[in-house]
Amino acid sequence: MIEQIFLTIGELKASVSALTRLSAIDMPVKAAYRISSTLNRVEDELKKHNLAVSELIKKNNGTVELNGDVTWNTDSDEKNFRDAVAELDEEQVSITNTPVEISLLGDKISLSPAIFMATSWLFTE
């Protein structure tokens, strides 16, 4: 039961940590496959986002230092960049999702509510 779902870039960014934590847990093969496939699709989408952010840094006169920090010519340049990223984070993207039935996870797996909150779109009862 593959489905197309629409999430904002911000929602995808918020789910990466939870998906990574989920992918490290031993679970039945079917659930593990679905979760790892979803994580790969989310990471692919976020690579596009990161390229757009790099372009926004250049466009707004930012310079990426060797340590990864960004320096700005003016405070206004930094504000324009942050506003553009906030707007970009609200963009909706479509990803292919195969929901994971909670019953597939089994009874021996414990997950925090925070993981479910960040990935609620991934699970079905």
PDB file of N, CA and C in Angstrom:
ATOM      1  N   MET A   1       0.816  -1.171   0.000  1.00  0.00           N
ATOM      2  CA  MET A   1       0.000   0.000   0.000  1.00  0.00           C
ATOM      3  C   MET A   1       0.872   1.251   0.000  1.00  0.00           C
ATOM      4  N   ILE A   2       1.499   1.481  -1.123  1.00  0.00           N
ATOM      5  CA  ILE A   2       2.345   2.660  -1.300  1.00  0.00           C
ATOM      6  C   ILE A   2       1.445   3.880  -1.459  1.00  0.00           C
ATOM      7  N   GLU A   3       1.875   4.987  -0.841  1.00  0.00           N
ATOM      8  CA  GLU A   3       1.098   6.214  -0.915  1.00  0.00           C
ATOM      9  C   GLU A   3       2.021   7.406  -1.118  1.00  0.00           C
ATOM     10  N   GLN A   4       1.488   8.437  -1.726  1.00  0.00           N
ATOM     11  CA  GLN A   4       2.190   9.712  -1.835  1.00  0.00           C
ATOM     12  C   GLN A   4       1.729  10.558  -0.660  1.00  0.00           C
ATOM     13  N   ILE A   5       2.687  11.086   0.087  1.00  0.00           N
ATOM     14  CA  ILE A   5       2.334  11.973   1.184  1.00  0.00           C
ATOM     15  C   ILE A   5       3.014  13.320   0.970  1.00  0.00           C
ATOM     16  N   PHE A   6       2.437  14.345   1.537  1.00  0.00           N
ATOM     17  CA  PHE A   6       2.965  15.694   1.407  1.00  0.00           C
ATOM     18  C   PHE A   6       3.396  16.185   2.782  1.00  0.00           C
ATOM     19  N   LEU A   7       4.654  16.551   2.881  1.00  0.00           N
ATOM     20  CA  LEU A   7       5.225  17.066   4.117  1.00  0.00           C
ATOM     21  C   LEU A   7       6.014  18.324   3.789  1.00  0.00           C
ATOM     22  N   THR A   8       6.174  19.191   4.769  1.00  0.00           N
ATOM     23  CA  THR A   8       7.027  20.353   4.552  1.00  0.00           C
ATOM     24  C   THR A   8       8.480  19.927   4.733  1.00  0.00           C
ATOM     25  N   ILE A   9       9.362  20.717   4.172  1.00  0.00           N
ATOM     26  CA  ILE A   9      10.790  20.469   4.363  1.00  0.00           C
ATOM     27  C   ILE A   9      11.112  20.483   5.859  1.00  0.00           C
ATOM     28  N   GLY A  10      10.497  21.388   6.591  1.00  0.00           N
ATOM     29  CA  GLY A  10      10.706  21.455   8.041  1.00  0.00           C
ATOM     30  C   GLY A  10      10.309  20.154   8.733  1.00  0.00           C
ATOM     31  N   GLU A  11       9.197  19.566   8.312  1.00  0.00           N
ATOM     32  CA  GLU A  11       8.767  18.293   8.892  1.00  0.00           C
ATOM     33  C   GLU A  11       9.759  17.183   8.552  1.00  0.00           C
ATOM     34  N   LEU A  12      10.267  17.193   7.327  1.00  0.00           N
ATOM     35  CA  LEU A  12      11.271  16.191   6.947  1.00  0.00           C
ATOM     36  C   LEU A  12      12.532  16.346   7.791  1.00  0.00           C
ATOM     37  N   LYS A  13      12.971  17.594   7.965  1.00  0.00           N
ATOM     38  CA  LYS A  13      14.167  17.842   8.770  1.00  0.00           C
ATOM     39  C   LYS A  13      13.962  17.346  10.204  1.00  0.00           C
ATOM     40  N   ALA A  14      12.768  17.560  10.737  1.00  0.00           N
ATOM     41  CA  ALA A  14      12.470  17.138  12.109  1.00  0.00           C
ATOM     42  C   ALA A  14      12.407  15.623  12.238  1.00  0.00           C
ATOM     43  N   SER A  15      12.122  14.928  11.142  1.00  0.00           N
ATOM     44  CA  SER A  15      11.963  13.469  11.223  1.00  0.00           C
ATOM     45  C   SER A  15      13.262  12.696  11.039  1.00  0.00           C
ATOM     46  N   VAL A  16      14.300  13.323  10.520  1.00  0.00           N
ATOM     47  CA  VAL A  16      15.540  12.599  10.212  1.00  0.00           C
ATOM     48  C   VAL A  16      16.147  11.938  11.442  1.00  0.00           C
ATOM     49  N   SER A  17      16.246  12.664  12.530  1.00  0.00           N
ATOM     50  CA  SER A  17      16.834  12.102  13.748  1.00  0.00           C
ATOM     51  C   SER A  17      16.044  10.887  14.234  1.00  0.00           C
ATOM     52  N   ALA A  18      14.725  11.015  14.244  1.00  0.00           N
ATOM     53  CA  ALA A  18      13.879   9.890  14.693  1.00  0.00           C
ATOM     54  C   ALA A  18      14.002   8.701  13.744  1.00  0.00           C
ATOM     55  N   LEU A  19      14.020   8.960  12.438  1.00  0.00           N
ATOM     56  CA  LEU A  19      14.169   7.867  11.476  1.00  0.00           C
ATOM     57  C   LEU A  19      15.527   7.189  11.625  1.00  0.00           C
ATOM     58  N   THR A  20      16.553   7.969  11.879  1.00  0.00           N
ATOM     59  CA  THR A  20      17.888   7.395  12.085  1.00  0.00           C
ATOM     60  C   THR A  20      17.908   6.528  13.332  1.00  0.00           C
ATOM     61  N   ARG A  21      17.283   7.001  14.398  1.00  0.00           N
ATOM     62  CA  ARG A  21      17.211   6.208  15.634  1.00  0.00           C
ATOM     63  C   ARG A  21      16.409   4.931  15.403  1.00  0.00           C
ATOM     64  N   LEU A  22      15.300   5.040  14.665  1.00  0.00           N
ATOM     65  CA  LEU A  22      14.501   3.852  14.356  1.00  0.00           C
ATOM     66  C   LEU A  22      15.300   2.844  13.538  1.00  0.00           C
ATOM     67  N   SER A  23      16.091   3.344  12.599  1.00  0.00           N
ATOM     68  CA  SER A  23      16.828   2.442  11.720  1.00  0.00           C
ATOM     69  C   SER A  23      17.913   1.662  12.451  1.00  0.00           C
ATOM     70  N   ALA A  24      18.277   2.090  13.652  1.00  0.00           N
ATOM     71  CA  ALA A  24      19.307   1.410  14.427  1.00  0.00           C
ATOM     72  C   ALA A  24      18.744   0.329  15.358  1.00  0.00           C
ATOM     73  N   ILE A  25      17.423   0.214  15.412  1.00  0.00           N
ATOM     74  CA  ILE A  25      16.776  -0.750  16.307  1.00  0.00           C
ATOM     75  C   ILE A  25      16.553  -2.065  15.566  1.00  0.00           C
ATOM     76  N   ASP A  26      16.870  -3.183  16.235  1.00  0.00           N
ATOM     77  CA  ASP A  26      16.566  -4.494  15.650  1.00  0.00           C
ATOM     78  C   ASP A  26      15.054  -4.666  15.615  1.00  0.00           C
ATOM     79  N   MET A  27      14.550  -5.028  14.433  1.00  0.00           N
ATOM     80  CA  MET A  27      13.113  -5.226  14.258  1.00  0.00           C
ATOM     81  C   MET A  27      12.900  -6.209  13.125  1.00  0.00           C
ATOM     82  N   PRO A  28      11.679  -6.685  12.963  1.00  0.00           N
ATOM     83  CA  PRO A  28      11.406  -7.603  11.857  1.00  0.00           C
ATOM     84  C   PRO A  28      11.791  -6.985  10.499  1.00  0.00           C
ATOM     85  N   VAL A  29      12.186  -7.855   9.583  1.00  0.00           N
ATOM     86  CA  VAL A  29      12.740  -7.437   8.297  1.00  0.00           C
ATOM     87  C   VAL A  29      11.814  -6.496   7.529  1.00  0.00           C
ATOM     88  N   LYS A  30      10.546  -6.792   7.453  1.00  0.00           N
ATOM     89  CA  LYS A  30       9.608  -5.975   6.672  1.00  0.00           C
ATOM     90  C   LYS A  30       9.556  -4.544   7.206  1.00  0.00           C
ATOM     91  N   ALA A  31       9.496  -4.395   8.514  1.00  0.00           N
ATOM     92  CA  ALA A  31       9.468  -3.058   9.120  1.00  0.00           C
ATOM     93  C   ALA A  31      10.799  -2.350   8.901  1.00  0.00           C
ATOM     94  N   ALA A  32      11.901  -3.074   9.071  1.00  0.00           N
ATOM     95  CA  ALA A  32      13.230  -2.479   8.879  1.00  0.00           C
ATOM     96  C   ALA A  32      13.402  -1.995   7.446  1.00  0.00           C
ATOM     97  N   TYR A  33      12.946  -2.778   6.490  1.00  0.00           N
ATOM     98  CA  TYR A  33      13.054  -2.396   5.084  1.00  0.00           C
ATOM     99  C   TYR A  33      12.264  -1.128   4.796  1.00  0.00           C
ATOM    100  N   ARG A  34      11.048  -1.058   5.290  1.00  0.00           N
ATOM    101  CA  ARG A  34      10.209   0.118   5.043  1.00  0.00           C
ATOM    102  C   ARG A  34      10.798   1.370   5.679  1.00  0.00           C
ATOM    103  N   ILE A  35      11.306   1.235   6.882  1.00  0.00           N
ATOM    104  CA  ILE A  35      11.877   2.390   7.577  1.00  0.00           C
ATOM    105  C   ILE A  35      13.161   2.844   6.890  1.00  0.00           C
ATOM    106  N   SER A  36      14.033   1.910   6.509  1.00  0.00           N
ATOM    107  CA  SER A  36      15.277   2.313   5.843  1.00  0.00           C
ATOM    108  C   SER A  36      14.996   2.928   4.474  1.00  0.00           C
ATOM    109  N   SER A  37      14.018   2.401   3.753  1.00  0.00           N
ATOM    110  CA  SER A  37      13.652   2.981   2.451  1.00  0.00           C
ATOM    111  C   SER A  37      13.125   4.398   2.622  1.00  0.00           C
ATOM    112  N   THR A  38      12.315   4.601   3.634  1.00  0.00           N
ATOM    113  CA  THR A  38      11.772   5.932   3.899  1.00  0.00           C
ATOM    114  C   THR A  38      12.889   6.898   4.273  1.00  0.00           C
ATOM    115  N   LEU A  39      13.809   6.456   5.119  1.00  0.00           N
ATOM    116  CA  LEU A  39      14.932   7.315   5.503  1.00  0.00           C
ATOM    117  C   LEU A  39      15.737   7.716   4.272  1.00  0.00           C
ATOM    118  N   ASN A  40      15.972   6.784   3.368  1.00  0.00           N
ATOM    119  CA  ASN A  40      16.713   7.108   2.143  1.00  0.00           C
ATOM    120  C   ASN A  40      15.983   8.159   1.307  1.00  0.00           C
ATOM    121  N   ARG A  41      14.661   8.031   1.180  1.00  0.00           N
ATOM    122  CA  ARG A  41      13.889   9.005   0.397  1.00  0.00           C
ATOM    123  C   ARG A  41      13.912  10.384   1.056  1.00  0.00           C
ATOM    124  N   VAL A  42      13.807  10.413   2.372  1.00  0.00           N
ATOM    125  CA  VAL A  42      13.854  11.687   3.098  1.00  0.00           C
ATOM    126  C   VAL A  42      15.228  12.335   2.921  1.00  0.00           C
ATOM    127  N   GLU A  43      16.286  11.549   3.069  1.00  0.00           N
ATOM    128  CA  GLU A  43      17.634  12.096   2.905  1.00  0.00           C
ATOM    129  C   GLU A  43      17.858  12.615   1.485  1.00  0.00           C
ATOM    130  N   ASP A  44      17.327  11.916   0.480  1.00  0.00           N
ATOM    131  CA  ASP A  44      17.448  12.380  -0.906  1.00  0.00           C
ATOM    132  C   ASP A  44      16.768  13.732  -1.090  1.00  0.00           C
ATOM    133  N   GLU A  45      15.596  13.886  -0.498  1.00  0.00           N
ATOM    134  CA  GLU A  45      14.866  15.151  -0.609  1.00  0.00           C
ATOM    135  C   GLU A  45      15.631  16.269   0.097  1.00  0.00           C
ATOM    136  N   LEU A  46      16.223  15.955   1.238  1.00  0.00           N
ATOM    137  CA  LEU A  46      16.949  16.972   1.990  1.00  0.00           C
ATOM    138  C   LEU A  46      18.275  17.353   1.324  1.00  0.00           C
ATOM    139  N   LYS A  47      18.828  16.479   0.496  1.00  0.00           N
ATOM    140  CA  LYS A  47      20.030  16.854  -0.273  1.00  0.00           C
ATOM    141  C   LYS A  47      19.692  18.006  -1.203  1.00  0.00           C
ATOM    142  N   LYS A  48      18.517  17.951  -1.822  1.00  0.00           N
ATOM    143  CA  LYS A  48      18.078  19.052  -2.697  1.00  0.00           C
ATOM    144  C   LYS A  48      17.932  20.340  -1.879  1.00  0.00           C
ATOM    145  N   HIS A  49      17.369  20.207  -0.692  1.00  0.00           N
ATOM    146  CA  HIS A  49      17.197  21.357   0.199  1.00  0.00           C
ATOM    147  C   HIS A  49      18.561  21.958   0.555  1.00  0.00           C
ATOM    148  N   ASN A  50      19.519  21.111   0.883  1.00  0.00           N
ATOM    149  CA  ASN A  50      20.840  21.597   1.274  1.00  0.00           C
ATOM    150  C   ASN A  50      21.531  22.324   0.121  1.00  0.00           C
ATOM    151  N   LEU A  51      21.317  21.858  -1.101  1.00  0.00           N
ATOM    152  CA  LEU A  51      21.862  22.568  -2.261  1.00  0.00           C
ATOM    153  C   LEU A  51      21.230  23.950  -2.391  1.00  0.00           C
ATOM    154  N   ALA A  52      19.919  24.019  -2.171  1.00  0.00           N
ATOM    155  CA  ALA A  52      19.219  25.312  -2.228  1.00  0.00           C
ATOM    156  C   ALA A  52      19.734  26.244  -1.136  1.00  0.00           C
ATOM    157  N   VAL A  53      20.002  25.703   0.054  1.00  0.00           N
ATOM    158  CA  VAL A  53      20.529  26.524   1.146  1.00  0.00           C
ATOM    159  C   VAL A  53      21.917  27.053   0.782  1.00  0.00           C
ATOM    160  N   SER A  54      22.739  26.213   0.168  1.00  0.00           N
ATOM    161  CA  SER A  54      24.073  26.664  -0.269  1.00  0.00           C
ATOM    162  C   SER A  54      23.959  27.817  -1.254  1.00  0.00           C
ATOM    163  N   GLU A  55      23.005  27.717  -2.163  1.00  0.00           N
ATOM    164  CA  GLU A  55      22.791  28.797  -3.127  1.00  0.00           C
ATOM    165  C   GLU A  55      22.308  30.069  -2.428  1.00  0.00           C
ATOM    166  N   LEU A  56      21.455  29.905  -1.416  1.00  0.00           N
ATOM    167  CA  LEU A  56      20.976  31.071  -0.668  1.00  0.00           C
ATOM    168  C   LEU A  56      22.114  31.756   0.094  1.00  0.00           C
ATOM    169  N   ILE A  57      23.062  30.966   0.572  1.00  0.00           N
ATOM    170  CA  ILE A  57      24.219  31.555   1.265  1.00  0.00           C
ATOM    171  C   ILE A  57      24.980  32.453   0.293  1.00  0.00           C
ATOM    172  N   LYS A  58      25.244  31.921  -0.905  1.00  0.00           N
ATOM    173  CA  LYS A  58      25.969  32.713  -1.915  1.00  0.00           C
ATOM    174  C   LYS A  58      25.174  33.958  -2.313  1.00  0.00           C
ATOM    175  N   LYS A  59      23.878  33.757  -2.556  1.00  0.00           N
ATOM    176  CA  LYS A  59      23.025  34.858  -3.010  1.00  0.00           C
ATOM    177  C   LYS A  59      22.978  35.992  -1.986  1.00  0.00           C
ATOM    178  N   ASN A  60      23.072  35.636  -0.706  1.00  0.00           N
ATOM    179  CA  ASN A  60      22.972  36.632   0.363  1.00  0.00           C
ATOM    180  C   ASN A  60      24.336  37.019   0.930  1.00  0.00           C
ATOM    181  N   ASN A  61      25.374  36.865   0.091  1.00  0.00           N
ATOM    182  CA  ASN A  61      26.724  37.315   0.435  1.00  0.00           C
ATOM    183  C   ASN A  61      27.320  36.638   1.660  1.00  0.00           C
ATOM    184  N   GLY A  62      27.010  35.367   1.836  1.00  0.00           N
ATOM    185  CA  GLY A  62      27.603  34.607   2.922  1.00  0.00           C
ATOM    186  C   GLY A  62      28.841  33.860   2.441  1.00  0.00           C
ATOM    187  N   THR A  63      29.745  33.611   3.364  1.00  0.00           N
ATOM    188  CA  THR A  63      30.955  32.853   3.070  1.00  0.00           C
ATOM    189  C   THR A  63      31.042  31.702   4.055  1.00  0.00           C
ATOM    190  N   VAL A  64      31.166  30.491   3.519  1.00  0.00           N
ATOM    191  CA  VAL A  64      31.298  29.314   4.375  1.00  0.00           C
ATOM    192  C   VAL A  64      32.770  29.152   4.733  1.00  0.00           C
ATOM    193  N   GLU A  65      33.033  29.154   6.034  1.00  0.00           N
ATOM    194  CA  GLU A  65      34.407  28.990   6.525  1.00  0.00           C
ATOM    195  C   GLU A  65      34.780  27.505   6.527  1.00  0.00           C
ATOM    196  N   LEU A  66      36.050  27.200   6.702  1.00  0.00           N
ATOM    197  CA  LEU A  66      36.516  25.807   6.716  1.00  0.00           C
ATOM    198  C   LEU A  66      35.851  24.973   7.809  1.00  0.00           C
ATOM    199  N   ASN A  67      35.506  25.611   8.919  1.00  0.00           N
ATOM    200  CA  ASN A  67      34.868  24.880  10.020  1.00  0.00           C
ATOM    201  C   ASN A  67      33.358  24.724   9.838  1.00  0.00           C
ATOM    202  N   GLY A  68      32.827  25.242   8.713  1.00  0.00           N
ATOM    203  CA  GLY A  68      31.398  25.112   8.424  1.00  0.00           C
ATOM    204  C   GLY A  68      30.563  26.309   8.829  1.00  0.00           C
ATOM    205  N   ASP A  69      31.139  27.208   9.623  1.00  0.00           N
ATOM    206  CA  ASP A  69      30.416  28.422  10.003  1.00  0.00           C
ATOM    207  C   ASP A  69      30.250  29.328   8.785  1.00  0.00           C
ATOM    208  N   VAL A  70      29.231  30.167   8.835  1.00  0.00           N
ATOM    209  CA  VAL A  70      28.989  31.115   7.750  1.00  0.00           C
ATOM    210  C   VAL A  70      29.192  32.519   8.290  1.00  0.00           C
ATOM    211  N   THR A  71      29.950  33.325   7.545  1.00  0.00           N
ATOM    212  CA  THR A  71      30.096  34.732   7.900  1.00  0.00           C
ATOM    213  C   THR A  71      29.324  35.556   6.872  1.00  0.00           C
ATOM    214  N   TRP A  72      28.789  36.659   7.340  1.00  0.00           N
ATOM    215  CA  TRP A  72      27.941  37.508   6.507  1.00  0.00           C
ATOM    216  C   TRP A  72      28.571  38.879   6.370  1.00  0.00           C
ATOM    217  N   ASN A  73      28.365  39.515   5.215  1.00  0.00           N
ATOM    218  CA  ASN A  73      28.870  40.876   5.007  1.00  0.00           C
ATOM    219  C   ASN A  73      28.143  41.857   5.912  1.00  0.00           C
ATOM    220  N   THR A  74      26.816  41.663   6.056  1.00  0.00           N
ATOM    221  CA  THR A  74      26.026  42.566   6.897  1.00  0.00           C
ATOM    222  C   THR A  74      24.984  41.749   7.661  1.00  0.00           C
ATOM    223  N   ASP A  75      24.449  42.354   8.707  1.00  0.00           N
ATOM    224  CA  ASP A  75      23.362  41.711   9.451  1.00  0.00           C
ATOM    225  C   ASP A  75      22.142  41.525   8.555  1.00  0.00           C
ATOM    226  N   SER A  76      21.954  42.455   7.634  1.00  0.00           N
ATOM    227  CA  SER A  76      20.825  42.384   6.711  1.00  0.00           C
ATOM    228  C   SER A  76      20.944  41.149   5.805  1.00  0.00           C
ATOM    229  N   ASP A  77      22.161  40.842   5.364  1.00  0.00           N
ATOM    230  CA  ASP A  77      22.371  39.646   4.539  1.00  0.00           C
ATOM    231  C   ASP A  77      21.974  38.386   5.310  1.00  0.00           C
ATOM    232  N   GLU A  78      22.386  38.334   6.566  1.00  0.00           N
ATOM    233  CA  GLU A  78      22.048  37.166   7.389  1.00  0.00           C
ATOM    234  C   GLU A  78      20.541  37.071   7.607  1.00  0.00           C
ATOM    235  N   LYS A  79      19.894  38.198   7.872  1.00  0.00           N
ATOM    236  CA  LYS A  79      18.442  38.194   8.075  1.00  0.00           C
ATOM    237  C   LYS A  79      17.726  37.739   6.805  1.00  0.00           C
ATOM    238  N   ASN A  80      18.153  38.243   5.655  1.00  0.00           N
ATOM    239  CA  ASN A  80      17.540  37.825   4.394  1.00  0.00           C
ATOM    240  C   ASN A  80      17.707  36.322   4.174  1.00  0.00           C
ATOM    241  N   PHE A  81      18.875  35.795   4.497  1.00  0.00           N
ATOM    242  CA  PHE A  81      19.125  34.363   4.378  1.00  0.00           C
ATOM    243  C   PHE A  81      18.197  33.578   5.297  1.00  0.00           C
ATOM    244  N   ARG A  82      18.132  33.977   6.557  1.00  0.00           N
ATOM    245  CA  ARG A  82      17.288  33.240   7.520  1.00  0.00           C
ATOM    246  C   ARG A  82      15.812  33.290   7.106  1.00  0.00           C
ATOM    247  N   ASP A  83      15.355  34.423   6.621  1.00  0.00           N
ATOM    248  CA  ASP A  83      13.968  34.538   6.145  1.00  0.00           C
ATOM    249  C   ASP A  83      13.724  33.608   4.960  1.00  0.00           C
ATOM    250  N   ALA A  84      14.694  33.549   4.036  1.00  0.00           N
ATOM    251  CA  ALA A  84      14.549  32.687   2.855  1.00  0.00           C
ATOM    252  C   ALA A  84      14.530  31.211   3.248  1.00  0.00           C
ATOM    253  N   VAL A  85      15.361  30.827   4.215  1.00  0.00           N
ATOM    254  CA  VAL A  85      15.386  29.427   4.671  1.00  0.00           C
ATOM    255  C   VAL A  85      14.079  29.086   5.377  1.00  0.00           C
ATOM    256  N   ALA A  86      13.567  30.002   6.191  1.00  0.00           N
ATOM    257  CA  ALA A  86      12.290  29.756   6.869  1.00  0.00           C
ATOM    258  C   ALA A  86      11.173  29.549   5.848  1.00  0.00           C
ATOM    259  N   GLU A  87      11.198  30.342   4.797  1.00  0.00           N
ATOM    260  CA  GLU A  87      10.202  30.196   3.733  1.00  0.00           C
ATOM    261  C   GLU A  87      10.383  28.854   3.005  1.00  0.00           C
ATOM    262  N   LEU A  88      11.619  28.494   2.753  1.00  0.00           N
ATOM    263  CA  LEU A  88      11.923  27.223   2.094  1.00  0.00           C
ATOM    264  C   LEU A  88      11.464  26.045   2.948  1.00  0.00           C
ATOM    265  N   ASP A  89      11.632  26.145   4.255  1.00  0.00           N
ATOM    266  CA  ASP A  89      11.223  25.057   5.164  1.00  0.00           C
ATOM    267  C   ASP A  89       9.715  24.830   5.154  1.00  0.00           C
ATOM    268  N   GLU A  90       8.946  25.806   4.708  1.00  0.00           N
ATOM    269  CA  GLU A  90       7.494  25.668   4.633  1.00  0.00           C
ATOM    270  C   GLU A  90       7.025  25.055   3.317  1.00  0.00           C
ATOM    271  N   GLU A  91       7.943  24.883   2.379  1.00  0.00           N
ATOM    272  CA  GLU A  91       7.595  24.274   1.089  1.00  0.00           C
ATOM    273  C   GLU A  91       7.179  22.826   1.291  1.00  0.00           C
ATOM    274  N   GLN A  92       6.117  22.442   0.598  1.00  0.00           N
ATOM    275  CA  GLN A  92       5.671  21.052   0.673  1.00  0.00           C
ATOM    276  C   GLN A  92       6.324  20.240  -0.428  1.00  0.00           C
ATOM    277  N   VAL A  93       6.698  19.022  -0.052  1.00  0.00           N
ATOM    278  CA  VAL A  93       7.260  18.077  -1.014  1.00  0.00           C
ATOM    279  C   VAL A  93       6.452  16.789  -0.922  1.00  0.00           C
ATOM    280  N   SER A  94       6.502  16.048  -1.985  1.00  0.00           N
ATOM    281  CA  SER A  94       5.803  14.769  -2.031  1.00  0.00           C
ATOM    282  C   SER A  94       6.833  13.662  -1.947  1.00  0.00           C
ATOM    283  N   ILE A  95       6.604  12.729  -1.042  1.00  0.00           N
ATOM    284  CA  ILE A  95       7.473  11.554  -0.990  1.00  0.00           C
ATOM    285  C   ILE A  95       6.614  10.300  -1.036  1.00  0.00           C
ATOM    286  N   THR A  96       7.205   9.256  -1.562  1.00  0.00           N
ATOM    287  CA  THR A  96       6.541   7.965  -1.605  1.00  0.00           C
ATOM    288  C   THR A  96       6.747   7.300  -0.252  1.00  0.00           C
ATOM    289  N   ASN A  97       5.666   6.820   0.317  1.00  0.00           N
ATOM    290  CA  ASN A  97       5.725   6.217   1.649  1.00  0.00           C
ATOM    291  C   ASN A  97       4.985   4.885   1.639  1.00  0.00           C
ATOM    292  N   THR A  98       5.595   3.894   2.221  1.00  0.00           N
ATOM    293  CA  THR A  98       4.900   2.638   2.493  1.00  0.00           C
ATOM    294  C   THR A  98       4.733   2.581   4.001  1.00  0.00           C
ATOM    295  N   PRO A  99       3.521   2.833   4.503  1.00  0.00           N
ATOM    296  CA  PRO A  99       3.319   2.894   5.950  1.00  0.00           C
ATOM    297  C   PRO A  99       3.759   1.606   6.650  1.00  0.00           C
ATOM    298  N   VAL A 100       4.254   1.774   7.848  1.00  0.00           N
ATOM    299  CA  VAL A 100       4.667   0.650   8.681  1.00  0.00           C
ATOM    300  C   VAL A 100       3.550   0.383   9.678  1.00  0.00           C
ATOM    301  N   GLU A 101       2.996  -0.824   9.617  1.00  0.00           N
ATOM    302  CA  GLU A 101       1.982  -1.183  10.598  1.00  0.00           C
ATOM    303  C   GLU A 101       2.674  -1.338  11.949  1.00  0.00           C
ATOM    304  N   ILE A 102       2.122  -0.719  12.950  1.00  0.00           N
ATOM    305  CA  ILE A 102       2.720  -0.784  14.282  1.00  0.00           C
ATOM    306  C   ILE A 102       2.896  -2.233  14.727  1.00  0.00           C
ATOM    307  N   SER A 103       1.977  -3.094  14.327  1.00  0.00           N
ATOM    308  CA  SER A 103       2.079  -4.508  14.720  1.00  0.00           C
ATOM    309  C   SER A 103       3.325  -5.174  14.132  1.00  0.00           C
ATOM    310  N   LEU A 104       3.863  -4.630  13.024  1.00  0.00           N
ATOM    311  CA  LEU A 104       5.084  -5.191  12.436  1.00  0.00           C
ATOM    312  C   LEU A 104       6.306  -5.003  13.332  1.00  0.00           C
ATOM    313  N   LEU A 105       6.255  -4.014  14.207  1.00  0.00           N
ATOM    314  CA  LEU A 105       7.399  -3.735  15.068  1.00  0.00           C
ATOM    315  C   LEU A 105       7.578  -4.782  16.159  1.00  0.00           C
ATOM    316  N   GLY A 106       6.515  -5.499  16.480  1.00  0.00           N
ATOM    317  CA  GLY A 106       6.611  -6.521  17.521  1.00  0.00           C
ATOM    318  C   GLY A 106       6.462  -5.934  18.906  1.00  0.00           C
ATOM    319  N   ASP A 107       6.352  -6.818  19.873  1.00  0.00           N
ATOM    320  CA  ASP A 107       6.120  -6.407  21.260  1.00  0.00           C
ATOM    321  C   ASP A 107       7.398  -6.086  22.030  1.00  0.00           C
ATOM    322  N   LYS A 108       8.538  -6.466  21.500  1.00  0.00           N
ATOM    323  CA  LYS A 108       9.783  -6.318  22.255  1.00  0.00           C
ATOM    324  C   LYS A 108      10.486  -4.984  21.984  1.00  0.00           C
ATOM    325  N   ILE A 109       9.913  -4.167  21.145  1.00  0.00           N
ATOM    326  CA  ILE A 109      10.532  -2.890  20.793  1.00  0.00           C
ATOM    327  C   ILE A 109       9.868  -1.776  21.584  1.00  0.00           C
ATOM    328  N   SER A 110      10.691  -0.962  22.221  1.00  0.00           N
ATOM    329  CA  SER A 110      10.191   0.198  22.951  1.00  0.00           C
ATOM    330  C   SER A 110      10.623   1.459  22.215  1.00  0.00           C
ATOM    331  N   LEU A 111       9.675   2.334  21.970  1.00  0.00           N
ATOM    332  CA  LEU A 111       9.968   3.599  21.313  1.00  0.00           C
ATOM    333  C   LEU A 111       9.405   4.739  22.144  1.00  0.00           C
ATOM    334  N   SER A 112      10.103   5.838  22.120  1.00  0.00           N
ATOM    335  CA  SER A 112       9.634   6.992  22.875  1.00  0.00           C
ATOM    336  C   SER A 112       8.516   7.694  22.113  1.00  0.00           C
ATOM    337  N   PRO A 113       7.658   8.401  22.842  1.00  0.00           N
ATOM    338  CA  PRO A 113       6.630   9.195  22.173  1.00  0.00           C
ATOM    339  C   PRO A 113       7.236  10.224  21.211  1.00  0.00           C
ATOM    340  N   ALA A 114       8.432  10.713  21.508  1.00  0.00           N
ATOM    341  CA  ALA A 114       9.071  11.708  20.634  1.00  0.00           C
ATOM    342  C   ALA A 114       9.328  11.139  19.244  1.00  0.00           C
ATOM    343  N   ILE A 115       9.716   9.868  19.172  1.00  0.00           N
ATOM    344  CA  ILE A 115       9.942   9.245  17.861  1.00  0.00           C
ATOM    345  C   ILE A 115       8.629   9.169  17.095  1.00  0.00           C
ATOM    346  N   PHE A 116       7.575   8.750  17.777  1.00  0.00           N
ATOM    347  CA  PHE A 116       6.271   8.674  17.104  1.00  0.00           C
ATOM    348  C   PHE A 116       5.774  10.052  16.676  1.00  0.00           C
ATOM    349  N   MET A 117       6.007  11.067  17.500  1.00  0.00           N
ATOM    350  CA  MET A 117       5.567  12.408  17.132  1.00  0.00           C
ATOM    351  C   MET A 117       6.254  12.893  15.870  1.00  0.00           C
ATOM    352  N   ALA A 118       7.561  12.637  15.768  1.00  0.00           N
ATOM    353  CA  ALA A 118       8.327  13.113  14.611  1.00  0.00           C
ATOM    354  C   ALA A 118       8.057  12.312  13.344  1.00  0.00           C
ATOM    355  N   THR A 119       7.531  11.097  13.505  1.00  0.00           N
ATOM    356  CA  THR A 119       7.320  10.219  12.350  1.00  0.00           C
ATOM    357  C   THR A 119       5.902   9.662  12.293  1.00  0.00           C
ATOM    358  N   SER A 120       4.953  10.388  12.823  1.00  0.00           N
ATOM    359  CA  SER A 120       3.576   9.881  12.873  1.00  0.00           C
ATOM    360  C   SER A 120       3.038   9.533  11.498  1.00  0.00           C
ATOM    361  N   TRP A 121       3.505  10.231  10.469  1.00  0.00           N
ATOM    362  CA  TRP A 121       3.081   9.982   9.099  1.00  0.00           C
ATOM    363  C   TRP A 121       3.559   8.640   8.569  1.00  0.00           C
ATOM    364  N   LEU A 122       4.515   8.013   9.244  1.00  0.00           N
ATOM    365  CA  LEU A 122       5.108   6.759   8.794  1.00  0.00           C
ATOM    366  C   LEU A 122       4.315   5.536   9.242  1.00  0.00           C
ATOM    367  N   PHE A 123       3.573   5.666  10.324  1.00  0.00           N
ATOM    368  CA  PHE A 123       2.935   4.494  10.937  1.00  0.00           C
ATOM    369  C   PHE A 123       1.425   4.441  10.704  1.00  0.00           C
ATOM    370  N   THR A 124       0.934   3.225  10.745  1.00  0.00           N
ATOM    371  CA  THR A 124      -0.500   2.974  10.678  1.00  0.00           C
ATOM    372  C   THR A 124      -0.812   1.843  11.647  1.00  0.00           C
ATOM    373  N   GLU A 125      -2.047   1.804  12.089  1.00  0.00           N
ATOM    374  CA  GLU A 125      -2.414   0.746  13.050  1.00  0.00           C
ATOM    375  C   GLU A 125      -2.847  -0.513  12.379  1.00  0.00           C
TER     376      GLU A 125
END
